[in-house]
Amino acid sequence: MPSRGFWKSFEMFAPLSPTALDAVAAAARPRSWAPGEVLFQRDDPGDWLVAIETGRIRISLVTQGGRELVLRHAEAGEMLGEIALFDRQPRSADATAVGPVTGWVLTRRAFDTLAGGDPAFYEAALTRLSTLLRTTTLQLESIALYQLRARVARFLLITLEQLHGADIPEDASLALGLSQGELAAVLGATRPKVNRVIQDFRDEGLIRDTAGTWTCDIAGLRAEAGGEG
C-alpha cells in the first residue's frame, strides 16, 4: 500500500490530514493494465478515478471518420477520471495504456464515504476541478488565438508547470513522451508544421534535445508564448 506521501503528491489530496490520507490509502485498490489495454471508453460509466503509479495513459477521442484525436498523455504521478466521479456523468474520452501501467483505483462509493466523514475531501476536490478548468481554458486559448510557434511554446510551459508548479527552474528538462504526430493532434496542427517549429526551436536554442529529453530555455519559451496570431 502506498505511503501518505504518495497520496499527498496529488493536488486533490494534498490538503488532507494524515488521518484522511491513511483513509484514502486503505480505501484504494491496486490495478494494472497491459500495453494497449483500454481503461475506459467515452460514454462508459464514470464511477472511479485512478492515481497513476507507473506508466503512461493516452487520453483521446475518435472522430466519426475514425481518426483518433489525442488530447494528452497522463503520466505517473497524475490522477485520471476524477471529473466523471464528481459530476456522475459518463466518461468524456477514451483512456488507453501506452505501456504497462499500474495505479490505485478509488471508487465513487469509497470517495463519498470518505467525504461524508470529512468535508475537507469536498474542498480539496473543488480546488482540483478549478485547476482542471483553468488548464483547459489555457489550452483552448492557445489553439484559438495564437500562431503555431506560440502554441508549441505555451504547451511546453503548461506541461512544465504541471511538473514543477508555477516556479519553473531555468533550463528545466522535459521527457515529453509524445510523438510529433500526437503533439500535432493536441495542438490542432499538421505534423509537418509541428516538425518545422520543433526544428526551429532546436536551431534557436529554445530546446536542446539529448537522448529524448528536452532541456528548455524557459525565458525564451515565455517570450515566444506571448506571440499573438
Protein backbone atom coordinates (compact mmCIF):
# COMPACT_ATOMS: atom_id res chain seq x y z
CA MET A 1 0.00 0.00 0.00
CA PRO A 2 1.45 3.42 -0.97
CA SER A 3 2.61 5.77 1.75
CA ARG A 4 0.93 9.01 2.79
CA GLY A 5 3.49 10.81 0.65
CA PHE A 6 2.19 9.11 -2.49
CA TRP A 7 -1.35 10.37 -1.93
CA LYS A 8 -0.24 13.78 -0.73
CA SER A 9 1.61 14.29 -4.04
CA PHE A 10 -1.76 14.58 -5.82
CA GLU A 11 -3.33 18.03 -5.73
CA MET A 12 -6.74 16.68 -4.80
CA PHE A 13 -5.42 15.03 -1.65
CA ALA A 14 -2.56 17.37 -0.73
CA PRO A 15 -4.57 19.45 1.81
CA LEU A 16 -5.84 16.42 3.70
CA SER A 17 -4.76 15.48 7.21
CA PRO A 18 -2.53 12.44 7.85
CA THR A 19 -5.56 10.55 9.15
CA ALA A 20 -7.53 11.33 5.98
CA LEU A 21 -4.60 10.28 3.77
CA ASP A 22 -4.44 6.97 5.62
CA ALA A 23 -8.16 6.53 4.97
CA VAL A 24 -7.65 7.10 1.23
CA ALA A 25 -4.81 4.58 1.17
CA ALA A 26 -6.99 2.00 2.92
CA ALA A 27 -9.93 2.55 0.54
CA ALA A 28 -7.98 2.45 -2.75
CA ARG A 29 -7.38 -0.78 -4.63
CA PRO A 30 -4.38 -1.67 -6.85
CA ARG A 31 -4.90 -2.17 -10.59
CA SER A 32 -2.65 -2.86 -13.55
CA TRP A 33 -3.16 -2.61 -17.31
CA ALA A 34 -1.22 -4.20 -20.17
CA PRO A 35 0.16 -2.15 -23.09
CA GLY A 36 -2.71 -1.16 -25.37
CA GLU A 37 -5.38 -2.10 -22.83
CA VAL A 38 -8.33 0.27 -22.60
CA LEU A 39 -9.03 1.62 -19.11
CA PHE A 40 -12.31 3.14 -20.21
CA GLN A 41 -14.04 4.49 -23.30
CA ARG A 42 -16.11 7.55 -23.98
CA ASP A 43 -19.66 7.18 -22.60
CA ASP A 44 -18.65 4.43 -20.15
CA PRO A 45 -19.97 4.94 -16.61
CA GLY A 46 -17.64 7.23 -14.67
CA ASP A 47 -17.59 5.71 -11.21
CA TRP A 48 -13.89 5.56 -10.33
CA LEU A 49 -10.65 7.52 -10.56
CA VAL A 50 -7.12 6.21 -10.82
CA ALA A 51 -3.92 7.56 -9.28
CA ILE A 52 -1.18 6.51 -11.72
CA GLU A 53 1.83 4.93 -10.04
CA THR A 54 3.83 3.83 -13.10
CA GLY A 55 3.39 4.09 -16.86
CA ARG A 56 1.59 6.42 -19.24
CA ILE A 57 -2.03 6.64 -20.44
CA ARG A 58 -3.24 8.18 -23.71
CA ILE A 59 -6.40 10.27 -23.50
CA SER A 60 -8.11 10.56 -26.87
CA LEU A 61 -11.29 10.95 -28.87
CA VAL A 62 -12.25 9.08 -32.03
CA THR A 63 -13.91 11.19 -34.74
CA GLN A 64 -16.82 9.99 -36.87
CA GLY A 65 -14.33 9.40 -39.66
CA GLY A 66 -12.34 7.04 -37.44
CA ARG A 67 -9.45 9.45 -36.78
CA GLU A 68 -8.05 9.46 -33.26
CA LEU A 69 -7.53 12.89 -31.72
CA VAL A 70 -5.02 12.66 -28.89
CA LEU A 71 -5.91 15.14 -26.16
CA ARG A 72 -2.98 14.48 -23.84
CA HIS A 73 -0.94 11.82 -22.08
CA ALA A 74 -1.27 11.21 -18.34
CA GLU A 75 1.97 10.18 -16.65
CA ALA A 76 2.95 8.53 -13.40
CA GLY A 77 2.09 10.89 -10.54
CA GLU A 78 -1.09 12.16 -12.24
CA MET A 79 -4.72 11.42 -11.49
CA LEU A 80 -7.25 10.42 -14.12
CA GLY A 81 -11.03 10.11 -14.26
CA GLU A 82 -11.96 12.36 -11.37
CA ILE A 83 -14.34 14.63 -13.31
CA ALA A 84 -16.82 11.85 -14.08
CA LEU A 85 -16.54 10.72 -10.48
CA PHE A 86 -17.88 14.03 -9.23
CA ASP A 87 -20.45 15.03 -11.86
CA ARG A 88 -21.80 11.46 -12.19
CA GLN A 89 -21.75 11.74 -15.98
CA PRO A 90 -20.30 9.21 -18.45
CA ARG A 91 -16.65 9.34 -19.46
CA SER A 92 -15.86 12.14 -21.91
CA ALA A 93 -12.89 10.45 -23.67
CA ASP A 94 -11.05 7.17 -24.16
CA ALA A 95 -8.12 6.16 -21.94
CA THR A 96 -5.59 3.60 -23.20
CA ALA A 97 -2.41 2.28 -21.59
CA VAL A 98 0.59 3.25 -23.76
CA GLY A 99 2.80 0.73 -21.99
CA PRO A 100 2.45 -1.28 -18.77
CA VAL A 101 0.51 0.83 -16.25
CA THR A 102 -0.03 0.39 -12.54
CA GLY A 103 -2.21 2.55 -10.33
CA TRP A 104 -4.62 2.79 -7.44
CA VAL A 105 -8.36 2.97 -8.04
CA LEU A 106 -10.76 4.87 -5.78
CA THR A 107 -14.45 4.30 -6.48
CA ARG A 108 -17.17 6.91 -6.21
CA ARG A 109 -18.77 4.96 -3.36
CA ALA A 110 -15.49 4.93 -1.42
CA PHE A 111 -14.93 8.65 -2.03
CA ASP A 112 -18.47 9.53 -0.95
CA THR A 113 -17.99 7.52 2.23
CA LEU A 114 -14.72 9.29 3.00
CA ALA A 115 -16.12 12.73 2.20
CA GLY A 116 -19.21 12.08 4.31
CA GLY A 117 -16.97 11.87 7.35
CA ASP A 118 -14.62 14.73 6.45
CA PRO A 119 -15.75 17.84 4.47
CA ALA A 120 -12.09 18.55 3.62
CA PHE A 121 -12.44 15.97 0.84
CA TYR A 122 -15.03 18.10 -0.96
CA GLU A 123 -12.97 21.27 -0.52
CA ALA A 124 -9.89 19.57 -1.95
CA ALA A 125 -11.92 18.18 -4.86
CA LEU A 126 -13.22 21.67 -5.68
CA THR A 127 -9.67 23.00 -5.81
CA ARG A 128 -8.68 20.20 -8.16
CA LEU A 129 -11.61 20.79 -10.50
CA SER A 130 -10.83 24.52 -10.59
CA THR A 131 -7.27 23.72 -11.67
CA LEU A 132 -8.54 21.43 -14.44
CA LEU A 133 -10.87 24.16 -15.69
CA ARG A 134 -8.06 26.73 -15.79
CA THR A 135 -5.77 24.32 -17.66
CA THR A 136 -8.47 23.56 -20.23
CA THR A 137 -9.10 27.28 -20.74
CA LEU A 138 -5.39 27.89 -21.39
CA GLN A 139 -5.26 25.03 -23.90
CA LEU A 140 -8.32 26.31 -25.79
CA GLU A 141 -6.90 29.83 -25.78
CA SER A 142 -3.62 28.56 -27.21
CA ILE A 143 -5.34 26.80 -30.10
CA ALA A 144 -7.82 29.58 -30.89
CA LEU A 145 -5.74 32.75 -30.51
CA TYR A 146 -2.08 32.02 -31.14
CA GLN A 147 0.18 31.13 -34.04
CA LEU A 148 1.73 27.68 -34.02
CA ARG A 149 5.11 28.75 -32.61
CA ALA A 150 3.35 30.33 -29.64
CA ARG A 151 1.06 27.29 -29.25
CA VAL A 152 4.04 24.93 -29.07
CA ALA A 153 5.80 27.18 -26.55
CA ARG A 154 2.69 27.51 -24.41
CA PHE A 155 2.10 23.74 -24.48
CA LEU A 156 5.65 23.09 -23.26
CA LEU A 157 5.30 25.68 -20.50
CA ILE A 158 1.94 24.31 -19.34
CA THR A 159 3.43 20.79 -19.22
CA LEU A 160 6.43 22.03 -17.25
CA GLU A 161 4.16 23.87 -14.82
CA GLN A 162 2.31 20.62 -14.19
CA LEU A 163 5.65 19.04 -13.24
CA HIS A 164 7.28 21.90 -11.30
CA GLY A 165 4.50 24.29 -10.34
CA ALA A 166 4.44 27.96 -11.37
CA ASP A 167 8.12 28.47 -10.43
CA ILE A 168 9.73 26.53 -13.30
CA PRO A 169 13.52 26.29 -12.92
CA GLU A 170 15.61 27.75 -15.74
CA ASP A 171 16.82 25.09 -18.16
CA ALA A 172 14.13 22.66 -16.90
CA SER A 173 14.17 19.26 -18.58
CA LEU A 174 11.16 17.52 -20.09
CA ALA A 175 10.73 13.95 -21.35
CA LEU A 176 7.54 14.66 -23.27
CA GLY A 177 6.68 11.07 -24.22
CA LEU A 178 4.67 12.21 -27.28
CA SER A 179 5.39 11.63 -30.93
CA GLN A 180 5.31 14.74 -33.08
CA GLY A 181 2.17 13.38 -34.73
CA GLU A 182 0.49 13.12 -31.33
CA LEU A 183 1.70 16.60 -30.41
CA ALA A 184 0.27 17.92 -33.68
CA ALA A 185 -3.12 16.39 -32.84
CA VAL A 186 -3.12 18.06 -29.42
CA LEU A 187 -2.22 21.45 -30.93
CA GLY A 188 -4.67 21.27 -33.81
CA ALA A 189 -1.95 21.41 -36.49
CA THR A 190 -0.36 19.15 -39.09
CA ARG A 191 2.66 17.04 -38.27
CA PRO A 192 4.97 18.70 -40.87
CA LYS A 193 4.20 22.14 -39.44
CA VAL A 194 4.88 21.00 -35.87
CA ASN A 195 8.11 19.30 -37.03
CA ARG A 196 9.23 22.60 -38.55
CA VAL A 197 8.55 24.53 -35.35
CA ILE A 198 10.36 21.95 -33.20
CA GLN A 199 13.38 22.07 -35.51
CA ASP A 200 13.33 25.88 -35.44
CA PHE A 201 13.24 25.80 -31.63
CA ARG A 202 16.26 23.48 -31.66
CA ASP A 203 18.15 25.75 -34.07
CA GLU A 204 17.36 28.80 -31.93
CA GLY A 205 18.37 27.09 -28.67
CA LEU A 206 14.88 27.18 -27.14
CA ILE A 207 15.08 23.42 -26.68
CA ARG A 208 18.13 21.15 -26.58
CA ASP A 209 17.41 17.51 -27.35
CA THR A 210 19.53 14.94 -25.51
CA ALA A 211 18.55 11.27 -25.73
CA GLY A 212 14.85 12.10 -25.97
CA THR A 213 14.90 14.66 -23.14
CA TRP A 214 14.37 18.32 -23.96
CA THR A 215 16.21 20.94 -21.93
CA CYS A 216 14.12 24.08 -22.27
CA ASP A 217 15.10 27.74 -22.30
CA ILE A 218 12.26 28.91 -20.04
CA ALA A 219 12.77 32.64 -20.58
CA GLY A 220 12.90 32.13 -24.34
CA LEU A 221 9.78 29.97 -24.38
CA ARG A 222 7.89 32.53 -22.28
CA ALA A 223 8.84 35.27 -24.73
CA GLU A 224 7.72 33.09 -27.63
CA ALA A 225 4.46 32.13 -25.89
CA GLY A 226 3.27 35.73 -25.88
CA GLY A 227 3.12 35.99 -29.68
CA GLU A 228 -0.43 36.53 -30.90
CA GLY A 229 -1.83 35.20 -34.14
